[in-house]
Each structure stands twice: as structure tokens, then as C-alpha cells.
N, C-alpha and C. Protein backbone atom coordinates (compact mmCIF):
# COMPACT_ATOMS: atom_id res chain seq x y z
N MET A 1 122.34 53.02 107.85
CA MET A 1 123.19 53.88 107.07
C MET A 1 122.31 54.97 106.45
N THR A 2 122.71 56.23 106.60
CA THR A 2 121.95 57.35 106.06
C THR A 2 122.62 57.84 104.79
N THR A 3 121.85 57.88 103.72
CA THR A 3 122.36 58.29 102.42
C THR A 3 121.75 59.62 102.02
N LEU A 4 122.57 60.54 101.54
CA LEU A 4 122.09 61.79 100.97
C LEU A 4 121.92 61.57 99.48
N ARG A 5 120.70 61.75 99.01
CA ARG A 5 120.42 61.62 97.57
C ARG A 5 120.54 63.00 96.94
N VAL A 6 121.39 63.10 95.94
CA VAL A 6 121.59 64.35 95.20
C VAL A 6 121.07 64.13 93.80
N ARG A 7 120.18 65.02 93.36
CA ARG A 7 119.59 64.84 92.04
C ARG A 7 119.25 66.19 91.42
N ILE A 8 118.86 66.12 90.16
CA ILE A 8 118.45 67.31 89.42
C ILE A 8 116.93 67.29 89.33
N GLY A 9 116.32 68.41 89.60
CA GLY A 9 114.88 68.52 89.56
C GLY A 9 114.47 69.97 89.41
N ASP A 10 113.19 70.21 89.51
CA ASP A 10 112.72 71.59 89.43
C ASP A 10 111.87 71.91 90.65
N PHE A 11 111.34 73.11 90.66
CA PHE A 11 110.58 73.57 91.82
C PHE A 11 109.39 72.67 92.10
N SER A 12 108.75 72.15 91.07
CA SER A 12 107.58 71.30 91.29
C SER A 12 107.96 70.01 92.02
N ASP A 13 109.18 69.49 91.79
CA ASP A 13 109.65 68.31 92.53
C ASP A 13 109.75 68.62 94.02
N MET A 14 110.35 69.76 94.32
CA MET A 14 110.53 70.15 95.71
C MET A 14 109.17 70.42 96.36
N LYS A 15 108.31 71.11 95.62
CA LYS A 15 106.99 71.47 96.14
C LYS A 15 106.16 70.23 96.43
N SER A 16 106.16 69.26 95.53
CA SER A 16 105.34 68.06 95.74
C SER A 16 105.83 67.27 96.96
N GLY A 17 107.13 67.18 97.15
CA GLY A 17 107.67 66.50 98.32
C GLY A 17 107.27 67.20 99.61
N PHE A 18 107.33 68.52 99.60
CA PHE A 18 106.94 69.29 100.78
C PHE A 18 105.46 69.12 101.08
N LEU A 19 104.62 69.22 100.03
CA LEU A 19 103.18 69.10 100.24
C LEU A 19 102.78 67.72 100.74
N GLN A 20 103.45 66.69 100.24
CA GLN A 20 103.18 65.33 100.71
C GLN A 20 103.51 65.20 102.19
N ALA A 21 104.66 65.70 102.59
CA ALA A 21 105.06 65.64 104.00
C ALA A 21 104.10 66.45 104.87
N TRP A 22 103.68 67.60 104.37
CA TRP A 22 102.75 68.47 105.11
C TRP A 22 101.42 67.73 105.34
N LYS A 23 100.94 67.05 104.29
CA LYS A 23 99.69 66.30 104.37
C LYS A 23 99.80 65.17 105.40
N GLU A 24 100.89 64.44 105.33
CA GLU A 24 101.10 63.33 106.25
C GLU A 24 101.19 63.81 107.70
N ALA A 25 101.93 64.88 107.92
CA ALA A 25 102.07 65.43 109.27
C ALA A 25 100.72 65.94 109.77
N GLY A 26 99.96 66.59 108.90
CA GLY A 26 98.64 67.09 109.28
C GLY A 26 97.67 65.97 109.61
N GLY A 27 97.88 64.81 109.02
CA GLY A 27 97.04 63.64 109.29
C GLY A 27 97.51 62.84 110.49
N GLY A 28 98.51 63.33 111.18
CA GLY A 28 99.00 62.66 112.37
C GLY A 28 100.06 61.60 112.12
N LYS A 29 100.46 61.43 110.88
CA LYS A 29 101.49 60.45 110.57
C LYS A 29 102.87 61.01 110.92
N ARG A 30 103.76 60.12 111.29
CA ARG A 30 105.15 60.51 111.51
C ARG A 30 105.82 60.62 110.14
N VAL A 31 106.39 61.76 109.87
CA VAL A 31 107.01 62.01 108.56
C VAL A 31 108.48 61.65 108.62
N LYS A 32 108.89 60.77 107.73
CA LYS A 32 110.30 60.41 107.65
C LYS A 32 111.05 61.54 106.95
N PRO A 33 112.21 61.91 107.46
CA PRO A 33 112.98 62.96 106.80
C PRO A 33 113.43 62.53 105.42
N ARG A 34 113.41 63.46 104.50
CA ARG A 34 113.90 63.20 103.15
C ARG A 34 115.32 63.74 103.07
N HIS A 35 116.25 62.86 102.98
CA HIS A 35 117.66 63.26 102.90
C HIS A 35 117.97 63.46 101.43
N GLU A 36 117.64 64.66 100.95
CA GLU A 36 117.72 64.91 99.52
C GLU A 36 118.19 66.33 99.26
N LEU A 37 119.01 66.47 98.26
CA LEU A 37 119.49 67.76 97.82
C LEU A 37 119.18 67.85 96.33
N ILE A 38 118.36 68.84 95.94
CA ILE A 38 117.92 68.94 94.55
C ILE A 38 118.51 70.20 93.92
N PHE A 39 119.16 70.01 92.78
CA PHE A 39 119.70 71.13 92.00
C PHE A 39 118.82 71.34 90.77
N ARG A 40 118.74 72.58 90.30
CA ARG A 40 117.91 72.90 89.13
C ARG A 40 118.49 72.38 87.83
N SER A 41 119.82 72.26 87.77
CA SER A 41 120.45 71.82 86.53
C SER A 41 121.75 71.08 86.85
N TYR A 42 122.24 70.36 85.85
CA TYR A 42 123.52 69.68 85.99
C TYR A 42 124.63 70.70 86.24
N GLU A 43 124.54 71.83 85.55
CA GLU A 43 125.56 72.88 85.70
C GLU A 43 125.60 73.39 87.14
N ASP A 44 124.43 73.62 87.74
CA ASP A 44 124.39 74.06 89.14
C ASP A 44 125.01 73.01 90.06
N MET A 45 124.65 71.76 89.84
CA MET A 45 125.18 70.68 90.66
C MET A 45 126.70 70.59 90.52
N HIS A 46 127.18 70.65 89.29
CA HIS A 46 128.61 70.55 89.05
C HIS A 46 129.37 71.74 89.65
N ARG A 47 128.77 72.92 89.59
CA ARG A 47 129.41 74.12 90.14
C ARG A 47 129.56 74.00 91.67
N VAL A 48 128.53 73.50 92.34
CA VAL A 48 128.57 73.38 93.79
C VAL A 48 129.37 72.16 94.24
N LEU A 49 129.20 71.05 93.54
CA LEU A 49 129.86 69.81 93.95
C LEU A 49 131.09 69.53 93.09
N SER A 50 131.99 70.47 93.08
CA SER A 50 133.22 70.31 92.32
C SER A 50 134.07 69.19 92.93
N PRO A 51 135.03 68.66 92.18
CA PRO A 51 135.90 67.62 92.74
C PRO A 51 136.59 68.05 94.04
N ALA A 52 137.03 69.30 94.13
CA ALA A 52 137.69 69.77 95.35
C ALA A 52 136.73 69.76 96.53
N ARG A 53 135.48 70.13 96.30
CA ARG A 53 134.49 70.14 97.39
C ARG A 53 134.10 68.73 97.79
N LEU A 54 134.06 67.83 96.83
CA LEU A 54 133.77 66.43 97.18
C LEU A 54 134.90 65.82 98.00
N GLU A 55 136.13 66.30 97.80
CA GLU A 55 137.25 65.87 98.65
C GLU A 55 137.03 66.31 100.09
N VAL A 56 136.50 67.51 100.27
CA VAL A 56 136.17 67.99 101.61
C VAL A 56 135.13 67.07 102.24
N VAL A 57 134.09 66.73 101.48
CA VAL A 57 133.04 65.85 102.00
C VAL A 57 133.62 64.49 102.38
N LYS A 58 134.48 63.94 101.53
CA LYS A 58 135.11 62.64 101.84
C LYS A 58 135.92 62.71 103.12
N ALA A 59 136.63 63.83 103.32
CA ALA A 59 137.44 63.98 104.54
C ALA A 59 136.56 64.05 105.79
N LEU A 60 135.35 64.57 105.64
CA LEU A 60 134.43 64.70 106.77
C LEU A 60 133.62 63.43 107.05
N ALA A 61 133.42 62.61 106.04
CA ALA A 61 132.53 61.44 106.17
C ALA A 61 132.97 60.52 107.31
N GLY A 62 132.06 60.29 108.23
CA GLY A 62 132.30 59.38 109.34
C GLY A 62 133.25 59.88 110.41
N GLN A 63 133.63 61.14 110.37
CA GLN A 63 134.62 61.66 111.29
C GLN A 63 134.05 62.46 112.45
N GLY A 64 132.78 62.81 112.39
CA GLY A 64 132.25 63.73 113.41
C GLY A 64 132.73 65.13 113.09
N PRO A 65 132.45 66.08 113.96
CA PRO A 65 132.85 67.46 113.70
C PRO A 65 134.38 67.64 113.65
N LEU A 66 134.85 68.38 112.65
CA LEU A 66 136.27 68.71 112.52
C LEU A 66 136.39 70.21 112.30
N SER A 67 137.51 70.78 112.71
CA SER A 67 137.76 72.19 112.43
C SER A 67 138.13 72.34 110.96
N MET A 68 137.95 73.54 110.44
CA MET A 68 138.32 73.80 109.05
C MET A 68 139.81 73.57 108.84
N ARG A 69 140.59 73.95 109.82
CA ARG A 69 142.05 73.76 109.73
C ARG A 69 142.39 72.27 109.64
N GLU A 70 141.68 71.44 110.40
CA GLU A 70 141.93 69.99 110.36
C GLU A 70 141.51 69.40 109.01
N VAL A 71 140.39 69.86 108.47
CA VAL A 71 139.97 69.39 107.15
C VAL A 71 141.03 69.75 106.12
N ALA A 72 141.52 70.99 106.15
CA ALA A 72 142.56 71.43 105.22
C ALA A 72 143.81 70.57 105.35
N ARG A 73 144.20 70.27 106.58
CA ARG A 73 145.39 69.43 106.81
C ARG A 73 145.19 68.03 106.22
N ARG A 74 144.01 67.46 106.43
CA ARG A 74 143.75 66.10 105.96
C ARG A 74 143.75 65.97 104.44
N ILE A 75 143.34 67.02 103.75
CA ILE A 75 143.31 66.93 102.29
C ILE A 75 144.48 67.66 101.63
N GLY A 76 145.35 68.26 102.46
CA GLY A 76 146.57 68.87 101.93
C GLY A 76 146.32 70.13 101.12
N ARG A 77 145.37 70.95 101.58
CA ARG A 77 145.06 72.18 100.86
C ARG A 77 145.14 73.38 101.78
N ASP A 78 145.18 74.56 101.19
CA ASP A 78 145.22 75.83 101.89
C ASP A 78 143.93 76.04 102.69
N VAL A 79 144.05 76.53 103.92
CA VAL A 79 142.89 76.75 104.79
C VAL A 79 141.91 77.73 104.17
N LYS A 80 142.40 78.79 103.55
CA LYS A 80 141.52 79.79 102.96
C LYS A 80 140.67 79.19 101.83
N ALA A 81 141.26 78.37 100.99
CA ALA A 81 140.52 77.73 99.90
C ALA A 81 139.51 76.74 100.46
N VAL A 82 139.89 75.97 101.48
CA VAL A 82 139.00 75.01 102.10
C VAL A 82 137.84 75.75 102.78
N HIS A 83 138.12 76.89 103.39
CA HIS A 83 137.07 77.69 104.01
C HIS A 83 136.00 78.07 102.98
N GLY A 84 136.41 78.48 101.80
CA GLY A 84 135.45 78.83 100.74
C GLY A 84 134.63 77.62 100.31
N ASP A 85 135.27 76.47 100.19
CA ASP A 85 134.54 75.25 99.81
C ASP A 85 133.56 74.84 100.91
N ILE A 86 133.99 74.92 102.14
CA ILE A 86 133.11 74.54 103.25
C ILE A 86 131.92 75.48 103.33
N THR A 87 132.14 76.76 103.13
CA THR A 87 131.05 77.73 103.15
C THR A 87 130.01 77.40 102.07
N ALA A 88 130.47 77.07 100.87
CA ALA A 88 129.55 76.71 99.78
C ALA A 88 128.77 75.44 100.13
N LEU A 89 129.43 74.46 100.74
CA LEU A 89 128.76 73.21 101.11
C LEU A 89 127.77 73.40 102.25
N ILE A 90 128.06 74.31 103.16
CA ILE A 90 127.11 74.65 104.22
C ILE A 90 125.90 75.35 103.61
N ASN A 91 126.16 76.30 102.72
CA ASN A 91 125.07 77.07 102.10
C ASN A 91 124.12 76.20 101.29
N CYS A 92 124.62 75.13 100.68
CA CYS A 92 123.73 74.26 99.90
C CYS A 92 123.08 73.19 100.78
N GLY A 93 123.48 73.09 102.04
CA GLY A 93 122.85 72.13 102.95
C GLY A 93 123.50 70.77 103.01
N MET A 94 124.68 70.62 102.43
CA MET A 94 125.32 69.31 102.41
C MET A 94 126.07 69.02 103.70
N ILE A 95 126.69 70.03 104.30
CA ILE A 95 127.39 69.82 105.56
C ILE A 95 126.84 70.78 106.61
N ASP A 96 127.08 70.45 107.87
CA ASP A 96 126.58 71.24 108.99
C ASP A 96 127.74 71.90 109.73
N ARG A 97 127.44 73.07 110.29
CA ARG A 97 128.41 73.77 111.14
C ARG A 97 127.87 73.78 112.57
N THR A 98 128.70 73.37 113.51
CA THR A 98 128.34 73.40 114.93
C THR A 98 129.45 74.11 115.68
N GLU A 99 129.28 74.22 116.98
CA GLU A 99 130.34 74.83 117.79
C GLU A 99 131.62 74.00 117.78
N GLU A 100 131.46 72.68 117.56
CA GLU A 100 132.62 71.78 117.55
C GLU A 100 133.36 71.78 116.22
N GLY A 101 132.73 72.28 115.17
CA GLY A 101 133.35 72.29 113.85
C GLY A 101 132.33 72.02 112.77
N VAL A 102 132.79 71.48 111.65
CA VAL A 102 131.89 71.15 110.54
C VAL A 102 131.80 69.63 110.41
N SER A 103 130.64 69.16 109.93
CA SER A 103 130.48 67.72 109.81
C SER A 103 129.57 67.39 108.63
N PHE A 104 129.75 66.18 108.12
CA PHE A 104 128.90 65.63 107.07
C PHE A 104 128.02 64.60 107.76
N PRO A 105 126.72 64.90 107.93
CA PRO A 105 125.86 64.04 108.75
C PRO A 105 125.30 62.80 108.05
N TYR A 106 125.95 62.36 106.99
CA TYR A 106 125.49 61.19 106.24
C TYR A 106 126.63 60.19 106.12
N ASP A 107 126.25 58.95 105.81
CA ASP A 107 127.25 57.91 105.62
C ASP A 107 127.73 57.84 104.18
N ARG A 108 126.86 58.26 103.26
CA ARG A 108 127.22 58.20 101.85
C ARG A 108 126.37 59.15 101.03
N ILE A 109 126.78 59.34 99.77
CA ILE A 109 126.06 60.20 98.82
C ILE A 109 125.66 59.34 97.63
N ARG A 110 124.44 59.51 97.16
CA ARG A 110 124.00 58.86 95.94
C ARG A 110 123.64 59.96 94.94
N LEU A 111 124.35 59.99 93.82
CA LEU A 111 124.09 60.97 92.77
C LEU A 111 123.17 60.35 91.74
N ASP A 112 122.02 60.97 91.51
CA ASP A 112 121.08 60.54 90.48
C ASP A 112 121.10 61.56 89.36
N VAL A 113 121.73 61.20 88.26
CA VAL A 113 121.83 62.13 87.13
C VAL A 113 121.36 61.41 85.88
N ASP A 114 120.34 61.96 85.24
CA ASP A 114 119.85 61.43 83.96
C ASP A 114 120.33 62.37 82.87
N ILE A 115 120.92 61.81 81.85
CA ILE A 115 121.36 62.61 80.71
C ILE A 115 120.58 62.14 79.49
N GLU A 116 119.89 63.07 78.86
CA GLU A 116 119.07 62.75 77.70
C GLU A 116 119.63 63.39 76.46
N ALA A 117 119.28 62.84 75.31
CA ALA A 117 119.68 63.43 74.04
C ALA A 117 119.02 64.79 73.87
N ALA A 118 119.71 65.69 73.20
CA ALA A 118 119.18 67.04 72.99
C ALA A 118 118.05 67.03 71.99
């Protein structure tokens, strides 16, 4: 089962992960893909992963590629609105677009959110 980990972090988190993978690959090691999506803030994450967009992801999970029209039909929403949500999800790297349609290439999502006192 492939899980997409979604979390909040900063540039140094992304940079350290990249540098570690670069080092391992340069040393001849096989680098395991990191199925991770990092947002700079909770607000950014919430803006991109709105409840409506998560409904799109749920409709795609385990289905293989679907057309935007089929996704809209399955969740009972307007095609134009679903198109905007799908575009945002493609742009953030959560879903893929192929010639056959759009797909969510993971089995599940794990949200890691830490909330601290101000």
C-alpha cells in the first residue's frame, strides 16, 4: 500500500531530504521514492486541500485514470468547478494527468499536522 504523507515544513526540510537522496544515489544506493507533499504553512495546506478537493481525491482513489467529466459525475458537482479543483491538485503534485485521464497514484493519505500554542 502506497501512502502519500502530507505535512507542514519549510525549505530546509525539503532541502535535507533532497540532499540525502542525492548522497545515497551518488554512493550507488537505490533511493526509495519519498511519497511526500510539504506545505509551508497550515493555511497553504488548507487552501489547497479544501474539503471539495479532498472529495475529488476520494473519488479518484483506487479507480485508475478517470475523465474530469466522470469525476464530476461521481461527486455530483459541476464540471467547471471540478476542473479548477483538479488543476490545483495537479499543480501541487497530488494527482497525475495522463492521456487516459486524471488519477490519484496512492492508496491513502496521511496528514501530519502539529499545532502548537502561540
